[in-house]
C-alpha atoms as a PDB file:
ATOM      1  CA  MET A   1     108.722  36.347  85.804  1.00  0.00           C
ATOM      2  CA  LEU A   2     106.023  37.680  83.511  1.00  0.00           C
ATOM      3  CA  PHE A   3     104.117  38.982  86.563  1.00  0.00           C
ATOM      4  CA  HIS A   4     107.129  40.914  87.724  1.00  0.00           C
ATOM      5  CA  THR A   5     107.666  42.410  84.102  1.00  0.00           C
ATOM      6  CA  ILE A   6     103.999  43.499  83.882  1.00  0.00           C
ATOM      7  CA  THR A   7     104.065  44.977  87.393  1.00  0.00           C
ATOM      8  CA  SER A   8     107.210  46.899  86.719  1.00  0.00           C
ATOM      9  CA  PHE A   9     105.779  48.281  83.456  1.00  0.00           C
ATOM     10  CA  ALA A  10     102.543  49.261  85.178  1.00  0.00           C
ATOM     11  CA  LEU A  11     104.435  51.130  87.918  1.00  0.00           C
ATOM     12  CA  LEU A  12     106.688  52.756  85.362  1.00  0.00           C
ATOM     13  CA  SER A  13     103.624  53.908  83.290  1.00  0.00           C
ATOM     14  CA  LEU A  14     101.824  55.373  86.365  1.00  0.00           C
ATOM     15  CA  THR A  15     104.939  57.197  87.499  1.00  0.00           C
ATOM     16  CA  THR A  16     105.609  58.636  84.051  1.00  0.00           C
ATOM     17  CA  ALA A  17     101.953  59.587  83.583  1.00  0.00           C
ATOM     18  CA  SER A  18     101.767  61.415  86.922  1.00  0.00           C
ATOM     19  CA  ALA A  19     105.016  63.291  86.186  1.00  0.00           C
ATOM     20  CA  ILE A  20     103.703  64.393  82.764  1.00  0.00           C
ATOM     21  CA  ALA A  21     100.118  65.253  83.805  1.00  0.00           C
ATOM     22  CA  PRO A  22      99.474  68.756  84.978  1.00  0.00           C
ATOM     23  CA  ARG A  23      99.236  69.249  88.716  1.00  0.00           C
ATOM     24  CA  ALA A  24      95.659  69.088  90.097  1.00  0.00           C
ATOM     25  CA  GLY A  25      94.158  72.312  91.224  1.00  0.00           C
ATOM     26  CA  CYS A  26      93.039  72.827  94.744  1.00  0.00           C
ATOM     27  CA  GLY A  27      89.675  71.301  94.066  1.00  0.00           C
ATOM     28  CA  GLU A  28      87.627  74.478  94.157  1.00  0.00           C
ATOM     29  CA  GLY A  29      86.572  76.780  91.434  1.00  0.00           C
ATOM     30  CA  THR A  30      85.770  80.524  91.358  1.00  0.00           C
ATOM     31  CA  GLN A  31      82.050  80.234  90.691  1.00  0.00           C
ATOM     32  CA  LYS A  32      79.748  81.636  93.346  1.00  0.00           C
ATOM     33  CA  ILE A  33      78.346  78.938  95.666  1.00  0.00           C
ATOM     34  CA  CYS A  34      75.623  79.652  98.177  1.00  0.00           C
ATOM     35  CA  TYR A  35      75.956  77.011 100.981  1.00  0.00           C
ATOM     36  CA  GLY A  36      72.782  75.055 101.597  1.00  0.00           C
ATOM     37  CA  VAL A  37      71.557  76.041  98.078  1.00  0.00           C
ATOM     38  CA  ASP A  38      74.282  75.200  95.599  1.00  0.00           C
ATOM     39  CA  GLY A  39      76.186  72.718  97.907  1.00  0.00           C
ATOM     40  CA  GLY A  40      77.344  72.465 101.496  1.00  0.00           C
ATOM     41  CA  THR A  41      75.386  73.364 104.584  1.00  0.00           C
ATOM     42  CA  SER A  42      73.706  76.659 105.321  1.00  0.00           C
ATOM     43  CA  GLN A  43      75.810  78.615 107.735  1.00  0.00           C
ATOM     44  CA  ASN A  44      73.009  80.639 109.439  1.00  0.00           C
ATOM     45  CA  ILE A  45      74.965  83.925 109.367  1.00  0.00           C
ATOM     46  CA  ASP A  46      73.552  87.378 109.857  1.00  0.00           C
ATOM     47  CA  PRO A  47      73.439  89.401 106.614  1.00  0.00           C
ATOM     48  CA  GLU A  48      74.239  92.435 108.605  1.00  0.00           C
ATOM     49  CA  ASP A  49      77.468  90.779 109.769  1.00  0.00           C
ATOM     50  CA  VAL A  50      78.243  89.990 106.090  1.00  0.00           C
ATOM     51  CA  GLN A  51      77.946  93.695 105.326  1.00  0.00           C
ATOM     52  CA  TYR A  52      80.085  94.543 108.246  1.00  0.00           C
ATOM     53  CA  VAL A  53      82.892  92.276 106.944  1.00  0.00           C
ATOM     54  CA  ALA A  54      82.727  94.063 103.525  1.00  0.00           C
ATOM     55  CA  GLU A  55      82.927  97.492 105.257  1.00  0.00           C
ATOM     56  CA  TYR A  56      85.795  96.338 107.507  1.00  0.00           C
ATOM     57  CA  LEU A  57      87.824  95.152 104.483  1.00  0.00           C
ATOM     58  CA  ARG A  58      87.094  98.353 102.713  1.00  0.00           C
ATOM     59  CA  SER A  59      88.350 100.333 105.744  1.00  0.00           C
ATOM     60  CA  LEU A  60      91.615  98.266 105.755  1.00  0.00           C
ATOM     61  CA  SER A  61      92.099  99.289 102.160  1.00  0.00           C
ATOM     62  CA  ALA A  62      91.437 102.940 102.886  1.00  0.00           C
ATOM     63  CA  GLU A  63      93.509 103.088 106.138  1.00  0.00           C
ATOM     64  CA  ASN A  64      96.683 101.406 104.845  1.00  0.00           C
ATOM     65  CA  GLU A  65      99.266 102.377 102.256  1.00  0.00           C
ATOM     66  CA  GLY A  66     101.285 100.666  99.637  1.00  0.00           C
ATOM     67  CA  LYS A  67     101.549  96.848 100.049  1.00  0.00           C
ATOM     68  CA  ASN A  68      99.439  96.951 103.171  1.00  0.00           C
ATOM     69  CA  LYS A  69      96.373  97.565 101.003  1.00  0.00           C
ATOM     70  CA  PHE A  70      96.706  94.109  99.642  1.00  0.00           C
ATOM     71  CA  TRP A  71      95.845  90.626 101.004  1.00  0.00           C
ATOM     72  CA  THR A  72      98.653  88.350  99.817  1.00  0.00           C
ATOM     73  CA  MET A  73      99.034  84.573  99.848  1.00  0.00           C
ATOM     74  CA  PRO A  74     102.412  83.148  98.936  1.00  0.00           C
ATOM     75  CA  LYS A  75     103.183  80.147  96.829  1.00  0.00           C
ATOM     76  CA  SER A  76     102.939  76.973  98.812  1.00  0.00           C
ATOM     77  CA  ILE A  77     102.793  73.269  98.599  1.00  0.00           C
ATOM     78  CA  ASP A  78      99.216  73.119  99.925  1.00  0.00           C
ATOM     79  CA  CYS A  79      96.026  75.013  99.167  1.00  0.00           C
ATOM     80  CA  ALA A  80      96.067  77.210 102.174  1.00  0.00           C
ATOM     81  CA  GLU A  81      92.921  78.681 103.672  1.00  0.00           C
ATOM     82  CA  TRP A  82      93.495  81.693 105.955  1.00  0.00           C
ATOM     83  CA  SER A  83      91.132  83.765 108.067  1.00  0.00           C
ATOM     84  CA  LEU A  84      90.893  87.474 107.086  1.00  0.00           C
ATOM     85  CA  PRO A  85      91.811  90.077 109.871  1.00  0.00           C
ATOM     86  CA  VAL A  86      88.228  91.133 110.514  1.00  0.00           C
ATOM     87  CA  PHE A  87      87.496  91.668 114.206  1.00  0.00           C
ATOM     88  CA  ASN A  88      84.134  91.594 115.888  1.00  0.00           C
ATOM     89  CA  ALA A  89      82.408  90.148 112.839  1.00  0.00           C
ATOM     90  CA  GLY A  90      79.602  88.551 114.801  1.00  0.00           C
ATOM     91  CA  THR A  91      78.297  85.445 113.189  1.00  0.00           C
ATOM     92  CA  VAL A  92      80.770  85.559 110.244  1.00  0.00           C
ATOM     93  CA  LEU A  93      84.255  84.024 109.900  1.00  0.00           C
ATOM     94  CA  ALA A  94      85.803  85.380 106.604  1.00  0.00           C
ATOM     95  CA  LEU A  95      88.301  83.026 104.990  1.00  0.00           C
ATOM     96  CA  VAL A  96      90.378  83.217 101.823  1.00  0.00           C
ATOM     97  CA  LYS A  97      91.480  80.005 100.050  1.00  0.00           C
ATOM     98  CA  HIS A  98      94.434  79.928  97.754  1.00  0.00           C
ATOM     99  CA  ILE A  99      93.280  77.848  94.746  1.00  0.00           C
ATOM    100  CA  ASP A 100      96.418  78.327  92.681  1.00  0.00           C
ATOM    101  CA  ASN A 101      99.194  77.279  95.051  1.00  0.00           C
ATOM    102  CA  ARG A 102     101.896  77.845  92.378  1.00  0.00           C
ATOM    103  CA  VAL A 103     101.269  81.570  92.161  1.00  0.00           C
ATOM    104  CA  LEU A 104     101.936  84.456  94.589  1.00  0.00           C
ATOM    105  CA  SER A 105      98.395  85.832  94.705  1.00  0.00           C
ATOM    106  CA  SER A 106      97.739  89.348  95.914  1.00  0.00           C
ATOM    107  CA  VAL A 107      94.465  91.459  95.692  1.00  0.00           C
ATOM    108  CA  LEU A 108      93.345  94.655  97.287  1.00  0.00           C
ATOM    109  CA  PHE A 109      91.186  94.462 100.395  1.00  0.00           C
ATOM    110  CA  GLU A 110      88.755  96.519  98.361  1.00  0.00           C
ATOM    111  CA  ASP A 111      88.489  93.732  95.806  1.00  0.00           C
ATOM    112  CA  LEU A 112      87.717  91.224  98.635  1.00  0.00           C
ATOM    113  CA  ALA A 113      84.956  93.596  99.805  1.00  0.00           C
ATOM    114  CA  MET A 114      83.580  93.821  96.302  1.00  0.00           C
ATOM    115  CA  ALA A 115      83.310  90.026  96.180  1.00  0.00           C
ATOM    116  CA  ILE A 116      81.076  90.272  99.210  1.00  0.00           C
ATOM    117  CA  ASP A 117      78.745  93.217  98.450  1.00  0.00           C
ATOM    118  CA  GLY A 118      79.482  94.393  94.975  1.00  0.00           C
ATOM    119  CA  GLY A 119      80.539  97.858  96.112  1.00  0.00           C
ATOM    120  CA  LYS A 120      78.950 100.692  98.115  1.00  0.00           C
ATOM    121  CA  ASN A 121      76.779 101.767  95.202  1.00  0.00           C
ATOM    122  CA  ALA A 122      76.004  98.341  93.620  1.00  0.00           C
ATOM    123  CA  ALA A 123      72.705  98.583  91.632  1.00  0.00           C
ATOM    124  CA  ASP A 124      71.786  95.023  92.663  1.00  0.00           C
ATOM    125  CA  LYS A 125      72.682  95.540  96.314  1.00  0.00           C
ATOM    126  CA  GLY A 126      75.054  92.675  96.395  1.00  0.00           C
ATOM    127  CA  LYS A 127      72.572  90.046  95.082  1.00  0.00           C
ATOM    128  CA  ASN A 128      75.229  88.793  92.573  1.00  0.00           C
ATOM    129  CA  GLU A 129      77.893  88.598  95.251  1.00  0.00           C
ATOM    130  CA  LEU A 130      78.069  86.761  98.571  1.00  0.00           C
ATOM    131  CA  LEU A 131      75.660  89.165 100.232  1.00  0.00           C
ATOM    132  CA  GLY A 132      73.065  87.595  97.885  1.00  0.00           C
ATOM    133  CA  CYS A 133      73.536  84.232  99.700  1.00  0.00           C
ATOM    134  CA  GLY A 134      71.782  85.766 102.736  1.00  0.00           C
ATOM    135  CA  ARG A 135      71.940  83.765 105.850  1.00  0.00           C
ATOM    136  CA  ASN A 136      73.464  80.699 103.995  1.00  0.00           C
ATOM    137  CA  GLY A 137      76.992  82.119 103.601  1.00  0.00           C
ATOM    138  CA  GLY A 138      78.959  80.947 100.556  1.00  0.00           C
ATOM    139  CA  GLN A 139      82.119  81.322  98.523  1.00  0.00           C
ATOM    140  CA  VAL A 140      83.117  83.023  95.270  1.00  0.00           C
ATOM    141  CA  GLY A 141      86.352  83.780  93.372  1.00  0.00           C
ATOM    142  CA  VAL A 142      87.837  87.241  93.871  1.00  0.00           C
ATOM    143  CA  THR A 143      87.972  89.271  90.766  1.00  0.00           C
ATOM    144  CA  ALA A 144      90.500  92.084  90.961  1.00  0.00           C
ATOM    145  CA  ASN A 145      89.824  95.541  89.544  1.00  0.00           C
ATOM    146  CA  THR A 146      93.007  95.566  87.481  1.00  0.00           C
ATOM    147  CA  SER A 147      92.241  99.096  86.330  1.00  0.00           C
ATOM    148  CA  ASN A 148      93.144 100.307  89.856  1.00  0.00           C
ATOM    149  CA  PRO A 149      96.509 101.981  89.439  1.00  0.00           C
ATOM    150  CA  LEU A 150      97.948 100.033  92.523  1.00  0.00           C
ATOM    151  CA  TYR A 151      98.065  96.950  90.355  1.00  0.00           C
ATOM    152  CA  ASN A 152     100.342  98.778  87.908  1.00  0.00           C
ATOM    153  CA  SER A 153     102.648 100.214  90.647  1.00  0.00           C
ATOM    154  CA  ALA A 154     106.291  99.469  90.607  1.00  0.00           C
ATOM    155  CA  ASP A 155     106.009  97.651  94.084  1.00  0.00           C
ATOM    156  CA  TYR A 156     103.162  95.334  92.809  1.00  0.00           C
ATOM    157  CA  LYS A 157     104.925  94.535  89.522  1.00  0.00           C
ATOM    158  CA  SER A 158     108.260  93.885  91.227  1.00  0.00           C
ATOM    159  CA  SER A 159     106.662  91.544  93.717  1.00  0.00           C
ATOM    160  CA  GLY A 160     105.784  89.010  91.012  1.00  0.00           C
ATOM    161  CA  ALA A 161     102.329  88.669  92.402  1.00  0.00           C
ATOM    162  CA  LYS A 162      99.242  87.956  90.421  1.00  0.00           C
ATOM    163  CA  PRO A 163      95.761  89.235  91.046  1.00  0.00           C
ATOM    164  CA  THR A 164      94.238  85.692  90.716  1.00  0.00           C
ATOM    165  CA  GLY A 165      93.913  82.425  92.440  1.00  0.00           C
ATOM    166  CA  LEU A 166      91.796  83.370  95.545  1.00  0.00           C
ATOM    167  CA  VAL A 167      88.413  82.436  96.700  1.00  0.00           C
ATOM    168  CA  ILE A 168      86.644  84.194  99.645  1.00  0.00           C
ATOM    169  CA  LYS A 169      84.370  82.246 101.911  1.00  0.00           C
ATOM    170  CA  LEU A 170      81.918  83.341 104.511  1.00  0.00           C
ATOM    171  CA  VAL A 171      81.139  80.689 107.152  1.00  0.00           C
ATOM    172  CA  LYS A 172      79.699  80.627 110.651  1.00  0.00           C
ATOM    173  CA  ALA A 173      82.110  81.939 113.166  1.00  0.00           C
ATOM    174  CA  PRO A 174      82.927  79.485 116.022  1.00  0.00           C
ATOM    175  CA  ALA A 175      81.304  80.101 119.288  1.00  0.00           C
ATOM    176  CA  THR A 176      83.468  82.012 121.701  1.00  0.00           C
END
């Protein structure tokens, strides 16, 4: 009888604690990680292909209008990881992971490109971004340029989206 009482109390305590505790994140932060250096395995990707991915994303931003200038990941029950629509990227597969699954996350393709190379005129030539990981590949949180007027547009505001909660990853593309 005492065993059943203790067991019931323990189960009730665990259930209550898990209901009260905040939900766990998706297990990844926004800090820059170069694979093979800061963790993980080097991806042996071509830095020229990395630059191509940034330029391709920048072209998506330039060629599209309105909401099509944004990469959007919906709220979900999992921490989804989707490939970006970058074609002919050679050795690189560009992915975005949703690390805040309770938020509708949406950032400009230009901001994704900035996370890769720091911008066309970056003084450090992308050393502080993923381009600085060289052949290793890596991941970093996407920082939105919220001074861009598109983040203050009526469409963006009415969508309920937030310019947070995304990590971009550059890994070795599968052999075709």
